[in-house]
Amino acid sequence: MSGEYAAVLRRRALAAFKWAQRACSEGDYDIAVLQAEYAVQLYLKSILYRILGEEVRGHSIRELFGLLSA
């Protein structure tokens, strides 16, 4: 399941990003920002999972970037 979980996270991240783009084009900027943030969180978690081999809990983008830089 090592690569499978990371692939699921990447697919979810891309889906959230598409929703963010759609919301932005419709002028719903609050939802667009929420979905964009969620997409970044999921994508960072997929990268961290590939590097660390374990699921990372947390929602703070700053914390996830900190883990990635360490």
C-alpha atoms as a PDB file:
ATOM      1  CA  MET A   1       0.000   0.000   0.000  1.00  0.00           C
ATOM      2  CA  SER A   2       3.023   2.290   0.086  1.00  0.00           C
ATOM      3  CA  GLY A   3       2.483   3.995  -3.254  1.00  0.00           C
ATOM      4  CA  GLU A   4      -1.265   3.442  -3.290  1.00  0.00           C
ATOM      5  CA  TYR A   5      -2.035   5.744  -0.339  1.00  0.00           C
ATOM      6  CA  ALA A   6       0.136   8.531  -1.741  1.00  0.00           C
ATOM      7  CA  ALA A   7      -1.616   8.197  -5.116  1.00  0.00           C
ATOM      8  CA  VAL A   8      -5.024   8.456  -3.426  1.00  0.00           C
ATOM      9  CA  LEU A   9      -3.924  11.629  -1.654  1.00  0.00           C
ATOM     10  CA  ARG A  10      -2.630  13.122  -4.919  1.00  0.00           C
ATOM     11  CA  ARG A  11      -5.907  12.324  -6.701  1.00  0.00           C
ATOM     12  CA  ARG A  12      -7.877  13.958  -3.890  1.00  0.00           C
ATOM     13  CA  ALA A  13      -5.578  16.986  -3.999  1.00  0.00           C
ATOM     14  CA  LEU A  14      -6.092  17.419  -7.734  1.00  0.00           C
ATOM     15  CA  ALA A  15      -9.855  17.039  -7.335  1.00  0.00           C
ATOM     16  CA  ALA A  16      -9.883  19.714  -4.605  1.00  0.00           C
ATOM     17  CA  PHE A  17      -7.793  21.984  -6.820  1.00  0.00           C
ATOM     18  CA  LYS A  18     -10.271  21.557  -9.678  1.00  0.00           C
ATOM     19  CA  TRP A  19     -13.107  22.481  -7.303  1.00  0.00           C
ATOM     20  CA  ALA A  20     -11.111  25.536  -6.230  1.00  0.00           C
ATOM     21  CA  GLN A  21     -10.660  26.616  -9.838  1.00  0.00           C
ATOM     22  CA  ARG A  22     -14.352  26.127 -10.528  1.00  0.00           C
ATOM     23  CA  ALA A  23     -15.402  28.083  -7.438  1.00  0.00           C
ATOM     24  CA  CYS A  24     -13.012  30.889  -8.336  1.00  0.00           C
ATOM     25  CA  SER A  25     -14.349  31.128 -11.880  1.00  0.00           C
ATOM     26  CA  GLU A  26     -17.873  31.348 -10.459  1.00  0.00           C
ATOM     27  CA  GLY A  27     -16.851  34.150  -8.088  1.00  0.00           C
ATOM     28  CA  ASP A  28     -17.182  32.057  -4.916  1.00  0.00           C
ATOM     29  CA  TYR A  29     -13.816  33.089  -3.506  1.00  0.00           C
ATOM     30  CA  ASP A  30     -14.274  31.833   0.060  1.00  0.00           C
ATOM     31  CA  ILE A  31     -14.870  28.285  -1.142  1.00  0.00           C
ATOM     32  CA  ALA A  32     -12.062  28.617  -3.693  1.00  0.00           C
ATOM     33  CA  VAL A  33      -9.550  29.488  -0.970  1.00  0.00           C
ATOM     34  CA  LEU A  34     -10.795  26.684   1.278  1.00  0.00           C
ATOM     35  CA  GLN A  35     -10.484  24.106  -1.489  1.00  0.00           C
ATOM     36  CA  ALA A  36      -7.069  25.400  -2.569  1.00  0.00           C
ATOM     37  CA  GLU A  37      -5.790  25.125   1.003  1.00  0.00           C
ATOM     38  CA  TYR A  38      -7.182  21.602   1.280  1.00  0.00           C
ATOM     39  CA  ALA A  39      -5.512  20.664  -2.016  1.00  0.00           C
ATOM     40  CA  VAL A  40      -2.133  21.898  -0.742  1.00  0.00           C
ATOM     41  CA  GLN A  41      -2.557  19.980   2.532  1.00  0.00           C
ATOM     42  CA  LEU A  42      -3.345  16.738   0.725  1.00  0.00           C
ATOM     43  CA  TYR A  43      -0.506  17.125  -1.750  1.00  0.00           C
ATOM     44  CA  LEU A  44       2.020  17.843   1.006  1.00  0.00           C
ATOM     45  CA  LYS A  45       0.757  14.822   2.930  1.00  0.00           C
ATOM     46  CA  SER A  46       1.255  12.637  -0.158  1.00  0.00           C
ATOM     47  CA  ILE A  47       4.853  13.836  -0.485  1.00  0.00           C
ATOM     48  CA  LEU A  48       5.511  13.308   3.224  1.00  0.00           C
ATOM     49  CA  TYR A  49       4.013   9.823   3.054  1.00  0.00           C
ATOM     50  CA  ARG A  50       6.330   8.903   0.198  1.00  0.00           C
ATOM     51  CA  ILE A  51       9.345  10.243   2.108  1.00  0.00           C
ATOM     52  CA  LEU A  52       8.541   9.084   5.648  1.00  0.00           C
ATOM     53  CA  GLY A  53       6.478   6.013   4.871  1.00  0.00           C
ATOM     54  CA  GLU A  54       3.878   6.885   7.483  1.00  0.00           C
ATOM     55  CA  GLU A  55       0.661   8.852   7.564  1.00  0.00           C
ATOM     56  CA  VAL A  56       1.022  12.423   8.809  1.00  0.00           C
ATOM     57  CA  ARG A  57      -1.736  13.920  10.930  1.00  0.00           C
ATOM     58  CA  GLY A  58      -2.362  17.634  10.984  1.00  0.00           C
ATOM     59  CA  HIS A  59      -3.919  20.388   8.949  1.00  0.00           C
ATOM     60  CA  SER A  60      -1.506  23.284   9.273  1.00  0.00           C
ATOM     61  CA  ILE A  61       0.268  24.000   6.005  1.00  0.00           C
ATOM     62  CA  ARG A  62       3.099  25.645   7.933  1.00  0.00           C
ATOM     63  CA  GLU A  63       3.536  22.501  10.058  1.00  0.00           C
ATOM     64  CA  LEU A  64       3.481  20.268   6.975  1.00  0.00           C
ATOM     65  CA  PHE A  65       6.094  22.424   5.222  1.00  0.00           C
ATOM     66  CA  GLY A  66       8.165  22.305   8.419  1.00  0.00           C
ATOM     67  CA  LEU A  67       8.065  18.508   8.414  1.00  0.00           C
ATOM     68  CA  LEU A  68       8.997  18.490   4.752  1.00  0.00           C
ATOM     69  CA  SER A  69      11.971  20.780   5.284  1.00  0.00           C
ATOM     70  CA  ALA A  70      13.213  18.692   8.213  1.00  0.00           C
END
